[in-house]
Amino acid sequence: MVKGNDRQAGNAVLVAVVACMLLGGCTSFMGQQDKRAGTQLQPTVGNLVRGTVSFVEHSDGVQVSYNLAGLPPDSDHALQIHERGDCNATDASSAGPVFAPAAERLKPGARVAGDLGNIHADSNGVATGFLVATDVSLDGVRSVLQRAVIVHHDAIDPYAYPQRGTGAALACGVVKVQ
């Protein structure tokens, strides 16, 4: 037999849990949802590279996952974010320069946010993996949304000063919310 005080206590706990859920929102109950974006890369003229690049924002940075095919076997390539989300030019030059928020542009030789790093293609010309980019986000001034992702022919040399070019664009895609 349930006594009146026990029932009241149980009801009070239930009311407190429901109120917490309503006041705190669903994210505190179910966990916060990660922001996601991605792109389908298409080859530039004369190239065969295609694949996907996805972005998931976490508290420690943006996880950038890539799955690309059609690269030269056993080769390294730069993966970069460019200023404009425009891959219409046959060589992807319409994407503009590498993404660099205003303050980074003032520092000669500094690594810019759009330099995500190098990727490696295996003996079959396939590159899969991920990296964590701490200098970009999926909102605000460092957002990669509506910008172009380009896979370049050459790898980035992190020790070169001034930084050298990364070669021709092999593939390009515009980052969109998923």
N, C-alpha and C. Protein backbone atom coordinates (compact mmCIF):
# COMPACT_ATOMS: atom_id res chain seq x y z
N MET A 1 0.84 -1.17 0.00
CA MET A 1 0.00 0.00 0.00
C MET A 1 0.89 1.24 0.00
N VAL A 2 0.59 2.21 -0.88
CA VAL A 2 1.37 3.43 -0.98
C VAL A 2 0.74 4.48 -0.09
N LYS A 3 1.56 5.06 0.74
CA LYS A 3 1.06 6.10 1.63
C LYS A 3 1.00 7.43 0.90
N GLY A 4 0.23 8.36 1.37
CA GLY A 4 0.03 9.67 0.77
C GLY A 4 1.32 10.45 0.64
N ASN A 5 2.18 10.41 1.66
CA ASN A 5 3.44 11.16 1.62
C ASN A 5 4.38 10.59 0.56
N ASP A 6 4.41 9.26 0.39
CA ASP A 6 5.26 8.64 -0.62
C ASP A 6 4.79 9.03 -2.02
N ARG A 7 3.47 9.04 -2.21
CA ARG A 7 2.92 9.41 -3.52
C ARG A 7 3.22 10.87 -3.82
N GLN A 8 3.09 11.73 -2.83
CA GLN A 8 3.38 13.15 -3.03
C GLN A 8 4.86 13.35 -3.35
N ALA A 9 5.73 12.61 -2.68
CA ALA A 9 7.17 12.72 -2.93
C ALA A 9 7.49 12.25 -4.36
N GLY A 10 6.87 11.15 -4.77
CA GLY A 10 7.07 10.65 -6.13
C GLY A 10 6.59 11.63 -7.17
N ASN A 11 5.44 12.24 -6.92
CA ASN A 11 4.90 13.25 -7.84
C ASN A 11 5.80 14.48 -7.89
N ALA A 12 6.35 14.86 -6.75
CA ALA A 12 7.24 16.02 -6.71
C ALA A 12 8.50 15.76 -7.53
N VAL A 13 9.05 14.55 -7.45
CA VAL A 13 10.23 14.20 -8.22
C VAL A 13 9.90 14.23 -9.71
N LEU A 14 8.76 13.67 -10.08
CA LEU A 14 8.33 13.68 -11.47
C LEU A 14 8.17 15.10 -11.99
N VAL A 15 7.54 15.95 -11.22
CA VAL A 15 7.36 17.35 -11.61
C VAL A 15 8.72 18.03 -11.76
N ALA A 16 9.65 17.76 -10.86
CA ALA A 16 10.98 18.36 -10.93
C ALA A 16 11.73 17.92 -12.18
N VAL A 17 11.63 16.63 -12.54
CA VAL A 17 12.31 16.12 -13.74
C VAL A 17 11.71 16.76 -14.99
N VAL A 18 10.39 16.81 -15.07
CA VAL A 18 9.73 17.41 -16.24
C VAL A 18 10.08 18.89 -16.35
N ALA A 19 10.06 19.61 -15.22
CA ALA A 19 10.41 21.04 -15.24
C ALA A 19 11.85 21.25 -15.70
N CYS A 20 12.75 20.40 -15.22
CA CYS A 20 14.16 20.50 -15.63
C CYS A 20 14.30 20.30 -17.13
N MET A 21 13.57 19.32 -17.66
CA MET A 21 13.63 19.06 -19.10
C MET A 21 13.08 20.24 -19.88
N LEU A 22 11.98 20.81 -19.42
CA LEU A 22 11.38 21.94 -20.13
C LEU A 22 12.23 23.19 -20.04
N LEU A 23 12.76 23.47 -18.87
CA LEU A 23 13.59 24.67 -18.69
C LEU A 23 14.95 24.51 -19.34
N GLY A 24 15.53 23.33 -19.28
CA GLY A 24 16.86 23.09 -19.83
C GLY A 24 16.85 22.77 -21.31
N GLY A 25 15.71 22.45 -21.84
CA GLY A 25 15.63 22.09 -23.25
C GLY A 25 16.03 20.64 -23.46
N CYS A 26 15.79 20.16 -24.64
CA CYS A 26 16.07 18.76 -24.96
C CYS A 26 17.56 18.48 -25.00
N THR A 27 18.39 19.48 -25.29
CA THR A 27 19.82 19.20 -25.42
C THR A 27 20.44 18.77 -24.10
N SER A 28 19.94 19.31 -22.97
CA SER A 28 20.52 18.89 -21.70
C SER A 28 20.08 17.48 -21.34
N PHE A 29 18.94 17.06 -21.83
CA PHE A 29 18.45 15.72 -21.54
C PHE A 29 19.06 14.69 -22.49
N MET A 30 19.12 15.02 -23.78
CA MET A 30 19.56 14.07 -24.79
C MET A 30 21.00 14.28 -25.21
N GLY A 31 21.65 15.29 -24.72
CA GLY A 31 23.02 15.59 -25.15
C GLY A 31 22.99 16.57 -26.31
N GLN A 32 24.00 17.40 -26.40
CA GLN A 32 24.04 18.42 -27.43
C GLN A 32 24.35 17.80 -28.78
N GLN A 33 23.66 18.25 -29.80
CA GLN A 33 23.88 17.76 -31.15
C GLN A 33 25.07 18.49 -31.78
N ASP A 34 25.93 17.75 -32.45
CA ASP A 34 27.07 18.34 -33.12
C ASP A 34 26.62 19.01 -34.41
N LYS A 35 27.25 20.13 -34.75
CA LYS A 35 26.97 20.80 -36.02
C LYS A 35 27.69 20.02 -37.10
N ARG A 36 27.02 19.87 -38.26
CA ARG A 36 27.57 19.08 -39.37
C ARG A 36 27.44 19.83 -40.68
N ALA A 37 28.43 19.61 -41.54
CA ALA A 37 28.41 20.16 -42.89
C ALA A 37 29.23 19.22 -43.77
N GLY A 38 29.12 19.40 -45.07
CA GLY A 38 29.90 18.55 -45.95
C GLY A 38 29.83 19.01 -47.39
N THR A 39 30.57 18.32 -48.25
CA THR A 39 30.59 18.63 -49.66
C THR A 39 30.93 17.39 -50.48
N GLN A 40 30.48 17.41 -51.70
CA GLN A 40 30.82 16.40 -52.69
C GLN A 40 31.83 17.05 -53.63
N LEU A 41 33.06 16.57 -53.66
CA LEU A 41 34.08 17.16 -54.53
C LEU A 41 33.97 16.57 -55.93
N GLN A 42 34.07 17.45 -56.91
CA GLN A 42 34.04 17.07 -58.32
C GLN A 42 35.40 17.43 -58.93
N PRO A 43 35.83 16.65 -59.92
CA PRO A 43 37.15 16.92 -60.52
C PRO A 43 37.16 18.21 -61.33
N THR A 44 38.30 18.88 -61.32
CA THR A 44 38.50 20.00 -62.23
C THR A 44 38.82 19.41 -63.60
N VAL A 45 38.81 20.23 -64.62
CA VAL A 45 39.03 19.76 -65.99
C VAL A 45 40.37 19.04 -66.11
N GLY A 46 40.34 17.84 -66.70
CA GLY A 46 41.55 17.07 -66.91
C GLY A 46 41.95 16.20 -65.74
N ASN A 47 41.17 16.18 -64.67
CA ASN A 47 41.49 15.39 -63.48
C ASN A 47 40.39 14.37 -63.20
N LEU A 48 40.68 13.41 -62.33
CA LEU A 48 39.74 12.34 -62.02
C LEU A 48 39.33 12.30 -60.56
N VAL A 49 39.86 13.20 -59.75
CA VAL A 49 39.65 13.16 -58.31
C VAL A 49 38.21 13.53 -57.97
N ARG A 50 37.60 12.69 -57.13
CA ARG A 50 36.25 12.98 -56.63
C ARG A 50 36.08 12.31 -55.28
N GLY A 51 35.09 12.77 -54.53
CA GLY A 51 34.84 12.16 -53.23
C GLY A 51 34.09 13.10 -52.32
N THR A 52 34.15 12.82 -51.03
CA THR A 52 33.42 13.61 -50.05
C THR A 52 34.36 14.13 -48.96
N VAL A 53 33.98 15.28 -48.42
CA VAL A 53 34.65 15.84 -47.25
C VAL A 53 33.53 16.27 -46.32
N SER A 54 33.60 15.83 -45.06
CA SER A 54 32.57 16.21 -44.09
C SER A 54 33.20 16.91 -42.89
N PHE A 55 32.40 17.74 -42.25
CA PHE A 55 32.85 18.56 -41.12
C PHE A 55 31.89 18.34 -39.96
N VAL A 56 32.43 18.03 -38.78
CA VAL A 56 31.64 17.89 -37.56
C VAL A 56 32.31 18.74 -36.50
N GLU A 57 31.58 19.73 -35.97
CA GLU A 57 32.17 20.62 -34.97
C GLU A 57 32.02 20.02 -33.57
N HIS A 58 33.14 19.92 -32.88
CA HIS A 58 33.20 19.45 -31.49
C HIS A 58 33.80 20.57 -30.65
N SER A 59 33.84 20.39 -29.35
CA SER A 59 34.38 21.43 -28.47
C SER A 59 35.87 21.67 -28.69
N ASP A 60 36.61 20.67 -29.18
CA ASP A 60 38.06 20.83 -29.38
C ASP A 60 38.44 21.15 -30.82
N GLY A 61 37.47 21.41 -31.68
CA GLY A 61 37.76 21.75 -33.07
C GLY A 61 36.79 21.07 -34.02
N VAL A 62 37.05 21.24 -35.29
CA VAL A 62 36.20 20.66 -36.32
C VAL A 62 36.88 19.42 -36.88
N GLN A 63 36.20 18.28 -36.78
CA GLN A 63 36.73 17.05 -37.37
C GLN A 63 36.41 17.08 -38.85
N VAL A 64 37.46 16.98 -39.66
CA VAL A 64 37.33 16.98 -41.11
C VAL A 64 37.63 15.57 -41.60
N SER A 65 36.61 14.90 -42.10
CA SER A 65 36.77 13.53 -42.63
C SER A 65 36.75 13.59 -44.14
N TYR A 66 37.59 12.80 -44.77
CA TYR A 66 37.66 12.81 -46.23
C TYR A 66 37.71 11.38 -46.76
N ASN A 67 37.12 11.23 -47.93
CA ASN A 67 37.12 9.95 -48.65
C ASN A 67 37.21 10.30 -50.13
N LEU A 68 38.40 10.20 -50.68
CA LEU A 68 38.67 10.65 -52.05
C LEU A 68 39.28 9.54 -52.88
N ALA A 69 38.98 9.54 -54.16
CA ALA A 69 39.53 8.56 -55.10
C ALA A 69 39.98 9.29 -56.36
N GLY A 70 40.83 8.64 -57.14
CA GLY A 70 41.31 9.22 -58.40
C GLY A 70 42.57 10.04 -58.27
N LEU A 71 43.20 9.99 -57.10
CA LEU A 71 44.46 10.70 -56.88
C LEU A 71 45.61 9.88 -57.47
N PRO A 72 46.73 10.52 -57.78
CA PRO A 72 47.90 9.74 -58.21
C PRO A 72 48.31 8.78 -57.08
N PRO A 73 48.67 7.55 -57.41
CA PRO A 73 49.07 6.58 -56.37
C PRO A 73 50.26 7.07 -55.54
N ASP A 74 50.23 6.73 -54.25
CA ASP A 74 51.31 7.05 -53.31
C ASP A 74 51.75 8.52 -53.39
N SER A 75 50.80 9.42 -53.20
CA SER A 75 51.08 10.85 -53.33
C SER A 75 50.49 11.64 -52.17
N ASP A 76 51.03 12.82 -51.93
CA ASP A 76 50.55 13.72 -50.89
C ASP A 76 49.96 14.97 -51.52
N HIS A 77 48.90 15.50 -50.90
CA HIS A 77 48.18 16.64 -51.46
C HIS A 77 47.69 17.56 -50.35
N ALA A 78 47.59 18.86 -50.67
CA ALA A 78 47.05 19.83 -49.72
C ALA A 78 45.53 19.80 -49.77
N LEU A 79 44.91 19.86 -48.61
CA LEU A 79 43.46 20.00 -48.49
C LEU A 79 43.23 21.38 -47.90
N GLN A 80 42.55 22.23 -48.66
CA GLN A 80 42.39 23.62 -48.23
C GLN A 80 40.95 24.10 -48.39
N ILE A 81 40.61 25.09 -47.55
CA ILE A 81 39.35 25.82 -47.66
C ILE A 81 39.70 27.13 -48.37
N HIS A 82 38.92 27.49 -49.38
CA HIS A 82 39.13 28.75 -50.10
C HIS A 82 38.00 29.72 -49.80
N GLU A 83 38.26 31.00 -49.97
CA GLU A 83 37.37 32.10 -49.58
C GLU A 83 35.96 31.98 -50.13
N ARG A 84 35.82 31.71 -51.41
CA ARG A 84 34.50 31.75 -52.05
C ARG A 84 33.99 30.35 -52.35
N GLY A 85 32.71 30.16 -52.16
CA GLY A 85 32.07 28.89 -52.47
C GLY A 85 31.70 28.84 -53.94
N ASP A 86 32.70 28.89 -54.80
CA ASP A 86 32.46 28.93 -56.24
C ASP A 86 33.46 28.00 -56.93
N CYS A 87 32.96 26.91 -57.47
CA CYS A 87 33.81 25.94 -58.17
C CYS A 87 33.51 25.95 -59.67
N ASN A 88 32.97 27.05 -60.18
CA ASN A 88 32.54 27.10 -61.58
C ASN A 88 33.67 27.20 -62.59
N ALA A 89 34.80 27.79 -62.23
CA ALA A 89 35.92 27.88 -63.16
C ALA A 89 36.50 26.49 -63.40
N THR A 90 36.94 26.23 -64.61
CA THR A 90 37.44 24.90 -64.96
C THR A 90 38.65 24.49 -64.12
N ASP A 91 39.38 25.47 -63.59
CA ASP A 91 40.55 25.19 -62.75
C ASP A 91 40.30 25.52 -61.27
N ALA A 92 39.04 25.83 -60.91
CA ALA A 92 38.62 26.18 -59.56
C ALA A 92 39.18 27.52 -59.08
N SER A 93 39.72 28.32 -59.98
CA SER A 93 40.26 29.63 -59.59
C SER A 93 39.16 30.56 -59.08
N SER A 94 37.92 30.29 -59.42
CA SER A 94 36.80 31.12 -58.96
C SER A 94 36.58 30.99 -57.45
N ALA A 95 37.22 30.02 -56.81
CA ALA A 95 37.12 29.85 -55.36
C ALA A 95 37.94 30.89 -54.61
N GLY A 96 38.79 31.61 -55.31
CA GLY A 96 39.58 32.67 -54.68
C GLY A 96 40.75 32.14 -53.87
N PRO A 97 41.32 33.01 -53.03
CA PRO A 97 42.50 32.62 -52.23
C PRO A 97 42.12 31.69 -51.08
N VAL A 98 43.12 31.15 -50.43
CA VAL A 98 42.91 30.29 -49.26
C VAL A 98 42.25 31.13 -48.17
N PHE A 99 41.26 30.53 -47.49
CA PHE A 99 40.51 31.20 -46.44
C PHE A 99 41.43 31.66 -45.32
N ALA A 100 41.35 32.96 -45.03
CA ALA A 100 42.16 33.55 -43.96
C ALA A 100 41.39 34.71 -43.36
N PRO A 101 40.88 34.55 -42.13
CA PRO A 101 40.24 35.70 -41.48
C PRO A 101 41.18 36.90 -41.45
N ALA A 102 40.64 38.09 -41.41
CA ALA A 102 41.38 39.34 -41.58
C ALA A 102 42.67 39.43 -40.79
N ALA A 103 42.68 39.05 -39.53
CA ALA A 103 43.88 39.19 -38.70
C ALA A 103 45.02 38.32 -39.22
N GLU A 104 44.71 37.14 -39.76
CA GLU A 104 45.76 36.25 -40.26
C GLU A 104 46.43 36.80 -41.50
N ARG A 105 45.71 37.59 -42.26
CA ARG A 105 46.27 38.14 -43.49
C ARG A 105 47.39 39.13 -43.21
N LEU A 106 47.42 39.68 -42.02
CA LEU A 106 48.41 40.69 -41.66
C LEU A 106 49.74 40.09 -41.21
N LYS A 107 49.77 38.78 -41.00
CA LYS A 107 50.98 38.12 -40.51
C LYS A 107 51.68 37.41 -41.65
N PRO A 108 52.75 38.00 -42.20
CA PRO A 108 53.44 37.35 -43.31
C PRO A 108 53.99 35.98 -42.92
N GLY A 109 53.74 35.00 -43.76
CA GLY A 109 54.27 33.66 -43.53
C GLY A 109 53.49 32.83 -42.53
N ALA A 110 52.46 33.42 -41.89
CA ALA A 110 51.70 32.66 -40.90
C ALA A 110 50.80 31.64 -41.59
N ARG A 111 50.62 30.50 -40.96
CA ARG A 111 49.69 29.50 -41.47
C ARG A 111 48.30 30.07 -41.32
N VAL A 112 47.48 29.93 -42.34
CA VAL A 112 46.12 30.48 -42.30
C VAL A 112 45.11 29.38 -42.02
N ALA A 113 43.94 29.78 -41.56
CA ALA A 113 42.91 28.83 -41.14
C ALA A 113 42.52 27.85 -42.25
N GLY A 114 42.54 28.30 -43.49
CA GLY A 114 42.13 27.45 -44.60
C GLY A 114 43.09 26.33 -44.94
N ASP A 115 44.31 26.38 -44.44
CA ASP A 115 45.27 25.28 -44.66
C ASP A 115 44.94 24.16 -43.68
N LEU A 116 44.14 23.20 -44.12
CA LEU A 116 43.73 22.13 -43.23
C LEU A 116 44.83 21.11 -43.00
N GLY A 117 45.71 20.94 -43.97
CA GLY A 117 46.80 19.99 -43.84
C GLY A 117 46.96 19.16 -45.09
N ASN A 118 47.81 18.17 -44.99
CA ASN A 118 48.08 17.30 -46.12
C ASN A 118 47.36 15.97 -45.95
N ILE A 119 47.01 15.38 -47.08
CA ILE A 119 46.41 14.05 -47.09
C ILE A 119 47.28 13.15 -47.95
N HIS A 120 47.21 11.85 -47.70
CA HIS A 120 48.04 10.89 -48.43
C HIS A 120 47.17 9.90 -49.18
N ALA A 121 47.45 9.72 -50.47
CA ALA A 121 46.77 8.72 -51.28
C ALA A 121 47.56 7.43 -51.24
N ASP A 122 46.87 6.31 -51.11
CA ASP A 122 47.54 5.01 -51.07
C ASP A 122 47.91 4.54 -52.48
N SER A 123 48.34 3.31 -52.61
CA SER A 123 48.80 2.79 -53.90
C SER A 123 47.68 2.67 -54.93
N ASN A 124 46.44 2.77 -54.48
CA ASN A 124 45.29 2.76 -55.40
C ASN A 124 44.78 4.16 -55.72
N GLY A 125 45.43 5.19 -55.19
CA GLY A 125 44.99 6.56 -55.43
C GLY A 125 43.80 6.97 -54.57
N VAL A 126 43.62 6.28 -53.44
CA VAL A 126 42.51 6.56 -52.52
C VAL A 126 43.06 7.19 -51.24
N ALA A 127 42.42 8.24 -50.79
CA ALA A 127 42.79 8.90 -49.53
C ALA A 127 41.57 8.93 -48.63
N THR A 128 41.66 8.29 -47.48
CA THR A 128 40.59 8.33 -46.49
C THR A 128 41.20 8.62 -45.14
N GLY A 129 40.48 9.34 -44.32
CA GLY A 129 40.97 9.65 -42.98
C GLY A 129 40.28 10.86 -42.43
N PHE A 130 40.86 11.41 -41.38
CA PHE A 130 40.33 12.63 -40.79
C PHE A 130 41.45 13.41 -40.15
N LEU A 131 41.17 14.68 -39.91
CA LEU A 131 42.07 15.56 -39.18
C LEU A 131 41.20 16.49 -38.36
N VAL A 132 41.77 17.11 -37.35
CA VAL A 132 41.03 18.06 -36.52
C VAL A 132 41.58 19.45 -36.80
N ALA A 133 40.68 20.32 -37.23
CA ALA A 133 41.04 21.70 -37.55
C ALA A 133 40.57 22.61 -36.42
N THR A 134 41.51 23.17 -35.68
CA THR A 134 41.15 24.01 -34.53
C THR A 134 40.96 25.48 -34.91
N ASP A 135 41.32 25.86 -36.14
CA ASP A 135 41.24 27.26 -36.56
C ASP A 135 39.98 27.61 -37.33
N VAL A 136 39.08 26.66 -37.53
CA VAL A 136 37.84 26.93 -38.27
C VAL A 136 36.65 26.49 -37.45
N SER A 137 35.45 26.89 -37.90
CA SER A 137 34.21 26.50 -37.22
C SER A 137 33.11 26.36 -38.27
N LEU A 138 31.92 26.07 -37.79
CA LEU A 138 30.77 25.98 -38.69
C LEU A 138 29.81 27.14 -38.51
N ASP A 139 30.27 28.18 -37.80
CA ASP A 139 29.52 29.44 -37.73
C ASP A 139 30.48 30.56 -37.33
N GLY A 140 30.03 31.78 -37.47
CA GLY A 140 30.86 32.93 -37.11
C GLY A 140 31.89 33.28 -38.18
N VAL A 141 32.86 34.12 -37.80
CA VAL A 141 33.85 34.62 -38.76
C VAL A 141 34.81 33.56 -39.27
N ARG A 142 34.93 32.46 -38.57
CA ARG A 142 35.82 31.37 -38.99
C ARG A 142 35.06 30.21 -39.65
N SER A 143 33.83 30.49 -40.04
CA SER A 143 32.98 29.45 -40.63
C SER A 143 33.47 29.02 -42.01
N VAL A 144 33.41 27.71 -42.25
CA VAL A 144 33.75 27.15 -43.56
C VAL A 144 32.52 26.99 -44.44
N LEU A 145 31.33 27.26 -43.89
CA LEU A 145 30.10 27.13 -44.67
C LEU A 145 30.11 28.07 -45.87
N GLN A 146 29.63 27.56 -46.99
CA GLN A 146 29.55 28.30 -48.25
C GLN A 146 30.92 28.72 -48.77
N ARG A 147 31.94 28.01 -48.37
CA ARG A 147 33.29 28.20 -48.91
C ARG A 147 33.65 26.94 -49.70
N ALA A 148 34.70 27.01 -50.50
CA ALA A 148 35.10 25.87 -51.32
C ALA A 148 36.19 25.06 -50.64
N VAL A 149 36.09 23.74 -50.77
CA VAL A 149 37.15 22.82 -50.37
C VAL A 149 37.85 22.41 -51.64
N ILE A 150 39.18 22.52 -51.64
CA ILE A 150 39.96 22.15 -52.82
C ILE A 150 41.06 21.17 -52.42
N VAL A 151 41.20 20.12 -53.23
CA VAL A 151 42.33 19.21 -53.12
C VAL A 151 43.32 19.67 -54.16
N HIS A 152 44.54 20.00 -53.73
CA HIS A 152 45.57 20.50 -54.62
C HIS A 152 46.55 19.39 -55.02
N HIS A 153 47.23 19.62 -56.12
CA HIS A 153 48.19 18.65 -56.65
C HIS A 153 49.35 18.42 -55.69
N ASP A 154 49.85 19.48 -55.08
CA ASP A 154 51.02 19.39 -54.21
C ASP A 154 50.64 19.47 -52.74
N ALA A 155 51.51 18.99 -51.89
CA ALA A 155 51.33 19.07 -50.45
C ALA A 155 51.80 20.44 -49.95
N ILE A 156 51.33 20.83 -48.79
CA ILE A 156 51.77 22.06 -48.14
C ILE A 156 53.10 21.77 -47.44
N ASP A 157 54.07 22.65 -47.63
CA ASP A 157 55.34 22.54 -46.91
C ASP A 157 55.24 23.47 -45.70
N PRO A 158 55.02 22.93 -44.50
CA PRO A 158 54.81 23.79 -43.33
C PRO A 158 56.05 24.58 -42.93
N TYR A 159 57.21 24.23 -43.46
CA TYR A 159 58.44 24.90 -43.06
C TYR A 159 58.91 25.93 -44.08
N ALA A 160 58.23 26.03 -45.21
CA ALA A 160 58.65 26.97 -46.25
C ALA A 160 58.25 28.39 -45.89
N TYR A 161 59.15 29.33 -46.13
CA TYR A 161 58.84 30.74 -45.97
C TYR A 161 59.55 31.50 -47.08
N PRO A 162 58.84 32.27 -47.87
CA PRO A 162 57.39 32.38 -47.81
C PRO A 162 56.73 31.10 -48.28
N GLN A 163 55.48 30.93 -47.89
CA GLN A 163 54.79 29.69 -48.25
C GLN A 163 54.70 29.57 -49.77
N ARG A 164 55.00 28.38 -50.27
CA ARG A 164 54.93 28.17 -51.71
C ARG A 164 53.52 27.76 -52.08
N GLY A 165 53.22 27.82 -53.36
CA GLY A 165 51.91 27.41 -53.84
C GLY A 165 51.70 25.92 -53.64
N THR A 166 50.47 25.50 -53.77
CA THR A 166 50.13 24.09 -53.57
C THR A 166 49.77 23.41 -54.89
N GLY A 167 50.07 24.06 -55.98
CA GLY A 167 49.83 23.44 -57.28
C GLY A 167 48.39 23.55 -57.72
N ALA A 168 48.12 22.95 -58.85
CA ALA A 168 46.80 23.02 -59.46
C ALA A 168 45.74 22.35 -58.59
N ALA A 169 44.51 22.83 -58.74
CA ALA A 169 43.38 22.22 -58.06
C ALA A 169 42.98 20.96 -58.79
N LEU A 170 42.85 19.84 -58.05
CA LEU A 170 42.43 18.57 -58.63
C LEU A 170 40.92 18.34 -58.50
N ALA A 171 40.32 18.89 -57.45
CA ALA A 171 38.89 18.74 -57.22
C ALA A 171 38.40 19.88 -56.34
N CYS A 172 37.10 20.19 -56.46
CA CYS A 172 36.53 21.31 -55.74
C CYS A 172 35.08 21.00 -55.36
N GLY A 173 34.65 21.50 -54.20
CA GLY A 173 33.26 21.36 -53.76
C GLY A 173 32.93 22.45 -52.77
N VAL A 174 31.65 22.82 -52.68
CA VAL A 174 31.19 23.88 -51.78
C VAL A 174 30.61 23.26 -50.52
N VAL A 175 31.01 23.77 -49.35
CA VAL A 175 30.58 23.24 -48.06
C VAL A 175 29.17 23.75 -47.75
N LYS A 176 28.29 22.79 -47.41
CA LYS A 176 26.90 23.13 -47.07
C LYS A 176 26.50 22.37 -45.82
N VAL A 177 25.50 22.92 -45.10
CA VAL A 177 24.98 22.27 -43.89
C VAL A 177 24.34 20.94 -44.29
N GLN A 178 24.56 19.93 -43.45
CA GLN A 178 23.95 18.61 -43.72
C GLN A 178 22.83 18.36 -42.74
